[in-house]
């Protein structure tokens, strides 16, 4: 992203910071998740409307609103769903406006699959946090001494966690514990799919000048009992991205990589001593605006196309899109 483009996006994000999408109220029958608002659709009992807001969370706590974040997550997930549908079916059916997606109803599997290609992170469940505290047997695997933060791992490491509810931390799971939750056969299938998705993700990220460091996948079962990819995929919220061109040089000097994901916010909070407990420090407006541009930059690098900011207020835009496409919500 050149400086002129960056300045343009900074200006737009600054202008719309106070209008960022906190929540929608298209009908009274809405379910609010961490980042998404979920609606039932009239005359379509097998689908839902999922609206991705601009709400931001770090350490499983809300930190504020980032303009255009919801649009980036929604449209980037759609792009990734298209790029990976040969690996596994997904729940995406149609886009609705900038922030809406009509998805297939599924029964969520109550685990999250995290694949890590590097030893890094700042949360309680991250490899580096555990390793830095002296642990060497982590998530059922042995790690050698003398590893450095942000170092590439010989092979990607799969870690499993519970699927945390809103406001609750995810908890680590062993393979045996995960198999008890979802069944051994489904778990084996999910792990195989996750590794294939991560490999595809890393390949396409490199084409855009990014390193896909780690990511989280969520799966569900469709009405036939088949495994389906749900929620989001390879977004700056569910994944960690570093700039490829500067990674090696910065790692050699012990410097943090250039970030293009929500870790930017987590690190700001961590430096102030916040790790998810107690009162969260208030973020500066400039930090939220910078986060917006990082999200957009990741979108543009991955997709290879310019991000087209939707007009605010987003809720009005979504209501018009629903009316135009005859999507009647309950």
Protein backbone atom coordinates (compact mmCIF):
# COMPACT_ATOMS: atom_id res chain seq x y z
CA UNK A 1 0.00 0.00 0.00
CA UNK A 2 1.57 3.28 -1.05
CA UNK A 3 1.51 6.37 1.15
CA UNK A 4 -1.17 8.16 -0.88
CA UNK A 5 -3.50 5.16 -0.56
CA UNK A 6 -2.71 4.86 3.13
CA UNK A 7 -3.43 8.55 3.74
CA UNK A 8 -6.74 8.27 1.90
CA UNK A 9 -7.84 5.30 4.01
CA UNK A 10 -6.65 6.91 7.24
CA UNK A 11 -8.79 9.92 6.41
CA UNK A 12 -11.86 7.78 5.68
CA UNK A 13 -11.40 5.73 8.85
CA UNK A 14 -10.93 8.89 10.93
CA UNK A 15 -14.05 10.45 9.39
CA UNK A 16 -16.21 7.40 10.08
CA UNK A 17 -14.83 6.33 13.46
CA UNK A 18 -17.84 7.77 15.29
CA UNK A 19 -20.23 6.04 12.85
CA UNK A 20 -18.68 2.56 13.03
CA UNK A 21 -21.22 -0.26 13.26
CA UNK A 22 -21.73 -1.32 16.85
CA UNK A 23 -24.88 -3.41 16.44
CA UNK A 24 -27.86 -3.74 14.15
CA UNK A 25 -31.56 -3.73 14.96
CA UNK A 26 -33.12 -4.79 11.67
CA UNK A 27 -35.72 -6.72 13.67
CA UNK A 28 -36.26 -7.35 17.37
CA UNK A 29 -35.42 -11.03 16.85
CA UNK A 30 -31.63 -10.70 16.76
CA UNK A 31 -28.87 -12.66 18.48
CA UNK A 32 -25.68 -10.79 19.30
CA UNK A 33 -22.42 -12.73 19.28
CA UNK A 34 -18.93 -11.31 19.92
CA UNK A 35 -18.67 -9.68 16.51
CA UNK A 36 -21.73 -10.80 14.56
CA UNK A 37 -25.48 -10.19 14.67
CA UNK A 38 -27.60 -13.18 13.60
CA UNK A 39 -31.10 -13.03 12.09
CA UNK A 40 -33.64 -15.65 11.01
CA UNK A 41 -35.02 -15.38 7.47
CA UNK A 42 -38.71 -15.65 6.67
CA UNK A 43 -39.66 -18.59 4.42
CA UNK A 44 -36.13 -20.03 4.71
CA UNK A 45 -35.77 -22.16 7.80
CA UNK A 46 -32.42 -23.56 6.63
CA UNK A 47 -30.56 -20.24 6.37
CA UNK A 48 -29.53 -17.30 8.55
CA UNK A 49 -28.38 -13.76 7.90
CA UNK A 50 -25.05 -13.12 9.58
CA UNK A 51 -24.00 -9.47 9.85
CA UNK A 52 -20.39 -8.71 10.76
CA UNK A 53 -20.16 -5.53 12.81
CA UNK A 54 -17.19 -3.26 13.56
CA UNK A 55 -16.99 -4.53 17.15
CA UNK A 56 -13.50 -5.44 18.22
CA UNK A 57 -12.44 -7.92 20.88
CA UNK A 58 -9.06 -8.69 22.44
CA UNK A 59 -8.43 -11.28 25.14
CA UNK A 60 -12.14 -12.14 24.66
CA UNK A 61 -13.16 -8.66 25.84
CA UNK A 62 -14.67 -5.82 23.78
CA UNK A 63 -12.30 -2.92 23.19
CA UNK A 64 -14.31 -0.64 20.91
CA UNK A 65 -15.15 -0.15 17.25
CA UNK A 66 -12.88 -0.20 14.20
CA UNK A 67 -14.42 1.39 11.07
CA UNK A 68 -14.64 -0.94 8.05
CA UNK A 69 -13.51 -3.91 10.12
CA UNK A 70 -16.84 -5.68 9.67
CA UNK A 71 -16.82 -5.17 5.94
CA UNK A 72 -13.26 -6.49 5.67
CA UNK A 73 -14.05 -9.62 7.69
CA UNK A 74 -17.26 -10.30 5.77
CA UNK A 75 -15.90 -9.82 2.27
CA UNK A 76 -12.54 -11.44 2.98
CA UNK A 77 -14.23 -14.52 4.44
CA UNK A 78 -16.34 -14.76 1.29
CA UNK A 79 -13.14 -14.60 -0.81
CA UNK A 80 -11.47 -17.31 1.25
CA UNK A 81 -14.59 -19.50 1.24
CA UNK A 82 -14.47 -19.37 -2.57
CA UNK A 83 -10.75 -20.13 -2.65
CA UNK A 84 -11.06 -23.18 -0.39
CA UNK A 85 -14.40 -24.75 -1.33
CA UNK A 86 -12.57 -27.55 -3.16
CA UNK A 87 -11.10 -28.61 0.21
CA UNK A 88 -14.25 -28.49 2.33
CA UNK A 89 -17.83 -27.22 1.86
CA UNK A 90 -18.65 -24.05 3.79
CA UNK A 91 -21.79 -22.40 5.10
CA UNK A 92 -21.62 -19.29 2.86
CA UNK A 93 -24.51 -18.90 0.40
CA UNK A 94 -24.75 -15.24 -0.64
CA UNK A 95 -23.41 -11.84 0.31
CA UNK A 96 -25.92 -9.23 1.39
CA UNK A 97 -24.53 -5.73 1.14
CA UNK A 98 -21.11 -4.94 2.53
CA UNK A 99 -21.39 -6.61 5.93
CA UNK A 100 -24.04 -9.30 5.50
CA UNK A 101 -23.77 -12.94 4.50
CA UNK A 102 -26.57 -15.47 4.14
CA UNK A 103 -25.32 -18.75 5.52
CA UNK A 104 -26.53 -22.30 5.82
CA UNK A 105 -27.73 -23.37 9.25
CA UNK A 106 -25.35 -25.88 10.79
CA UNK A 107 -24.80 -27.54 14.14
CA UNK A 108 -21.52 -26.10 15.43
CA UNK A 109 -18.84 -28.45 16.70
CA UNK A 110 -17.95 -27.25 20.19
CA UNK A 111 -14.21 -27.08 19.59
CA UNK A 112 -11.91 -24.67 17.79
CA UNK A 113 -8.94 -25.86 15.75
CA UNK A 114 -5.89 -23.61 15.90
CA UNK A 115 -2.91 -24.21 13.61
CA UNK A 116 0.35 -22.47 14.44
CA UNK A 117 3.26 -22.19 12.01
CA UNK A 118 5.41 -20.03 14.30
CA UNK A 119 5.95 -19.80 18.05
CA UNK A 120 4.46 -16.45 19.01
CA UNK A 121 1.47 -14.80 20.65
CA UNK A 122 0.46 -12.79 23.70
CA UNK A 123 -2.68 -14.54 24.99
CA UNK A 124 -2.83 -17.16 27.74
CA UNK A 125 -3.35 -19.95 25.20
CA UNK A 126 -0.54 -18.90 22.85
CA UNK A 127 2.52 -21.10 22.41
CA UNK A 128 4.98 -18.33 23.22
CA UNK A 129 3.24 -17.32 26.46
CA UNK A 130 3.39 -20.90 27.72
CA UNK A 131 6.92 -21.46 26.42
CA UNK A 132 8.21 -18.21 27.98
CA UNK A 133 6.82 -19.37 31.34
CA UNK A 134 9.05 -22.43 31.12
CA UNK A 135 6.67 -25.02 29.72
CA UNK A 136 8.20 -27.39 27.18
CA UNK A 137 5.39 -29.95 26.86
CA UNK A 138 2.59 -27.88 25.35
CA UNK A 139 -0.64 -29.12 23.77
CA UNK A 140 0.67 -32.69 23.87
CA UNK A 141 3.92 -31.87 22.07
CA UNK A 142 7.50 -31.50 23.24
CA UNK A 143 9.33 -28.27 22.38
CA UNK A 144 13.14 -27.88 22.56
CA UNK A 145 14.98 -25.26 24.58
CA UNK A 146 16.38 -22.05 23.08
CA UNK A 147 13.49 -21.22 20.77
CA UNK A 148 13.01 -17.51 20.10
CA UNK A 149 9.76 -15.61 19.91
CA UNK A 150 8.36 -15.44 16.34
CA UNK A 151 10.54 -18.34 15.17
CA UNK A 152 9.18 -20.65 12.46
CA UNK A 153 8.32 -24.17 13.63
CA UNK A 154 9.61 -27.24 11.75
CA UNK A 155 6.02 -28.30 11.05
CA UNK A 156 2.72 -26.58 11.87
CA UNK A 157 1.38 -27.41 15.32
CA UNK A 158 -2.31 -28.17 15.84
CA UNK A 159 -3.83 -27.03 19.12
CA UNK A 160 -7.41 -27.46 20.19
CA UNK A 161 -9.54 -25.33 22.48
CA UNK A 162 -13.09 -25.16 23.67
CA UNK A 163 -15.40 -22.90 21.71
CA UNK A 164 -15.67 -20.10 24.23
CA UNK A 165 -18.94 -18.32 24.85
CA UNK A 166 -19.18 -14.55 24.73
CA UNK A 167 -17.04 -13.04 27.48
CA UNK A 168 -15.36 -16.34 28.35
CA UNK A 169 -11.84 -17.50 27.54
CA UNK A 170 -11.23 -20.54 25.34
CA UNK A 171 -9.65 -23.44 27.25
CA UNK A 172 -7.01 -25.85 25.88
CA UNK A 173 -8.09 -29.39 24.99
CA UNK A 174 -6.13 -32.59 24.50
CA UNK A 175 -6.87 -34.77 21.48
CA UNK A 176 -8.63 -37.23 23.75
CA UNK A 177 -10.80 -34.51 25.28
CA UNK A 178 -11.69 -33.12 21.85
CA UNK A 179 -12.57 -36.63 20.63
CA UNK A 180 -14.97 -37.01 23.56
CA UNK A 181 -16.72 -33.80 22.52
CA UNK A 182 -17.08 -34.35 18.76
CA UNK A 183 -16.25 -38.02 18.24
CA UNK A 184 -12.96 -39.56 17.10
CA UNK A 185 -14.00 -39.99 13.44
CA UNK A 186 -15.17 -36.39 13.04
CA UNK A 187 -12.10 -35.08 14.86
CA UNK A 188 -9.77 -36.96 12.51
CA UNK A 189 -11.60 -35.53 9.50
CA UNK A 190 -11.57 -31.99 10.91
CA UNK A 191 -7.82 -32.08 11.64
CA UNK A 192 -7.04 -33.29 8.12
CA UNK A 193 -9.19 -30.53 6.60
CA UNK A 194 -7.62 -27.88 8.85
CA UNK A 195 -4.09 -28.76 7.75
CA UNK A 196 -5.11 -28.57 4.10
CA UNK A 197 -6.80 -25.21 4.65
CA UNK A 198 -3.71 -23.85 6.42
CA UNK A 199 -1.42 -24.97 3.61
CA UNK A 200 -3.68 -23.27 1.04
CA UNK A 201 -3.84 -20.18 3.21
CA UNK A 202 -0.07 -19.92 3.51
CA UNK A 203 0.37 -20.34 -0.23
CA UNK A 204 -2.09 -17.60 -1.15
CA UNK A 205 -0.86 -15.29 1.62
CA UNK A 206 2.70 -15.47 0.28
CA UNK A 207 1.44 -14.36 -3.13
CA UNK A 208 0.15 -11.22 -1.43
CA UNK A 209 3.38 -10.57 0.43
CA UNK A 210 2.08 -11.89 3.75
CA UNK A 211 2.95 -14.75 6.07
CA UNK A 212 -0.03 -16.63 7.48
CA UNK A 213 1.43 -17.29 10.92
CA UNK A 214 -1.44 -19.05 12.64
CA UNK A 215 -5.19 -19.24 12.39
CA UNK A 216 -8.38 -20.57 13.95
CA UNK A 217 -11.01 -22.71 12.24
CA UNK A 218 -14.55 -23.50 13.30
CA UNK A 219 -16.60 -26.35 11.89
CA UNK A 220 -20.16 -27.56 11.97
CA UNK A 221 -22.33 -30.37 10.68
CA UNK A 222 -24.93 -29.78 7.99
CA UNK A 223 -28.35 -31.43 7.97
CA UNK A 224 -26.80 -34.58 6.44
CA UNK A 225 -24.16 -34.81 9.16
CA UNK A 226 -21.31 -33.73 6.87
CA UNK A 227 -18.48 -31.47 8.09
CA UNK A 228 -18.80 -27.85 6.97
CA UNK A 229 -16.49 -24.87 7.53
CA UNK A 230 -18.36 -22.10 9.38
CA UNK A 231 -17.91 -18.67 10.97
CA UNK A 232 -14.96 -16.98 9.20
CA UNK A 233 -11.71 -18.04 7.59
CA UNK A 234 -8.23 -16.49 7.38
CA UNK A 235 -9.34 -13.01 8.43
CA UNK A 236 -7.17 -10.59 10.45
CA UNK A 237 -9.42 -11.43 13.41
CA UNK A 238 -9.06 -15.21 13.25
CA UNK A 239 -5.50 -15.26 11.90
CA UNK A 240 -2.12 -13.71 12.42
CA UNK A 241 -0.43 -12.07 9.41
CA UNK A 242 3.08 -10.63 9.11
CA UNK A 243 4.67 -8.74 6.23
CA UNK A 244 6.89 -11.20 4.42
CA UNK A 245 9.55 -8.81 3.10
CA UNK A 246 10.62 -7.50 6.50
CA UNK A 247 10.15 -10.62 8.63
CA UNK A 248 13.66 -12.13 8.36
CA UNK A 249 15.50 -8.87 9.00
CA UNK A 250 13.36 -7.92 11.99
CA UNK A 251 13.56 -11.42 13.47
CA UNK A 252 17.35 -11.39 13.23
CA UNK A 253 17.41 -8.14 15.22
CA UNK A 254 14.94 -9.39 17.82
CA UNK A 255 12.26 -6.97 16.64
CA UNK A 256 8.56 -7.69 16.33
CA UNK A 257 7.27 -8.42 12.80
CA UNK A 258 5.16 -5.89 10.94
CA UNK A 259 1.61 -6.87 11.83
CA UNK A 260 -1.54 -6.90 9.71
CA UNK A 261 -4.05 -8.33 12.16
CA UNK A 262 -5.72 -7.81 15.56
CA UNK A 263 -2.45 -8.56 17.37
CA UNK A 264 -1.73 -4.85 16.85
CA UNK A 265 -4.42 -4.10 19.44
CA UNK A 266 -3.46 -6.98 21.75
CA UNK A 267 0.15 -5.76 21.92
CA UNK A 268 -0.96 -2.21 22.75
CA UNK A 269 -3.02 -3.57 25.65
CA UNK A 270 -0.30 -6.01 26.75
CA UNK A 271 2.25 -3.19 27.00
CA UNK A 272 -0.12 -1.53 29.46
CA UNK A 273 -0.27 -4.69 31.56
CA UNK A 274 -3.70 -5.84 30.38
CA UNK A 275 -4.21 -9.55 29.60
CA UNK A 276 -7.97 -9.86 29.88
CA UNK A 277 -8.50 -9.33 33.59
CA UNK A 278 -9.73 -6.17 35.32
CA UNK A 279 -10.57 -2.92 33.60
CA UNK A 280 -9.37 -2.61 30.03
CA UNK A 281 -7.33 0.52 29.19
CA UNK A 282 -9.08 2.87 26.78
CA UNK A 283 -7.61 2.81 23.30
CA UNK A 284 -6.75 6.05 21.52
CA UNK A 285 -8.69 7.11 18.44
CA UNK A 286 -5.49 7.02 16.39
CA UNK A 287 -4.95 3.38 17.39
CA UNK A 288 -8.44 2.38 16.24
CA UNK A 289 -7.95 4.24 12.96
CA UNK A 290 -4.57 2.58 12.41
CA UNK A 291 -6.16 -0.81 13.08
CA UNK A 292 -8.73 -0.09 10.35
CA UNK A 293 -5.97 0.53 7.81
CA UNK A 294 -4.12 -2.64 8.84
CA UNK A 295 -7.29 -4.65 8.24
CA UNK A 296 -7.84 -3.04 4.85
CA UNK A 297 -4.20 -3.54 3.87
CA UNK A 298 -4.48 -7.26 4.64
CA UNK A 299 -7.64 -7.44 2.51
CA UNK A 300 -5.97 -5.75 -0.46
CA UNK A 301 -2.80 -7.82 -0.26
CA UNK A 302 -4.69 -11.11 -0.05
CA UNK A 303 -7.36 -10.50 -2.67
CA UNK A 304 -5.23 -8.42 -5.02
CA UNK A 305 -7.95 -5.81 -5.41
CA UNK A 306 -8.76 -2.42 -3.95
CA UNK A 307 -11.08 -2.31 -0.96
CA UNK A 308 -14.25 -0.38 -1.78
CA UNK A 309 -15.47 1.22 1.47
CA UNK A 310 -19.24 1.00 1.94
CA UNK A 311 -21.10 4.16 2.95
CA UNK A 312 -21.95 4.70 6.58
CA UNK A 313 -24.39 4.28 8.28
CA UNK A 314 -24.01 0.59 7.48
CA UNK A 315 -27.35 -0.46 8.98
CA UNK A 316 -29.27 1.67 6.49
CA UNK A 317 -27.22 0.20 3.67
CA UNK A 318 -27.96 -3.34 4.91
CA UNK A 319 -31.70 -2.69 5.24
CA UNK A 320 -31.79 -1.41 1.66
CA UNK A 321 -29.85 -4.47 0.43
CA UNK A 322 -32.27 -6.82 2.21
CA UNK A 323 -35.26 -5.05 0.67
CA UNK A 324 -33.69 -5.04 -2.78
CA UNK A 325 -33.01 -8.79 -2.68
CA UNK A 326 -36.39 -9.63 -1.07
CA UNK A 327 -34.67 -11.01 2.03
CA UNK A 328 -37.39 -10.71 4.67
CA UNK A 329 -36.16 -11.12 8.23
CA UNK A 330 -38.23 -12.51 11.07
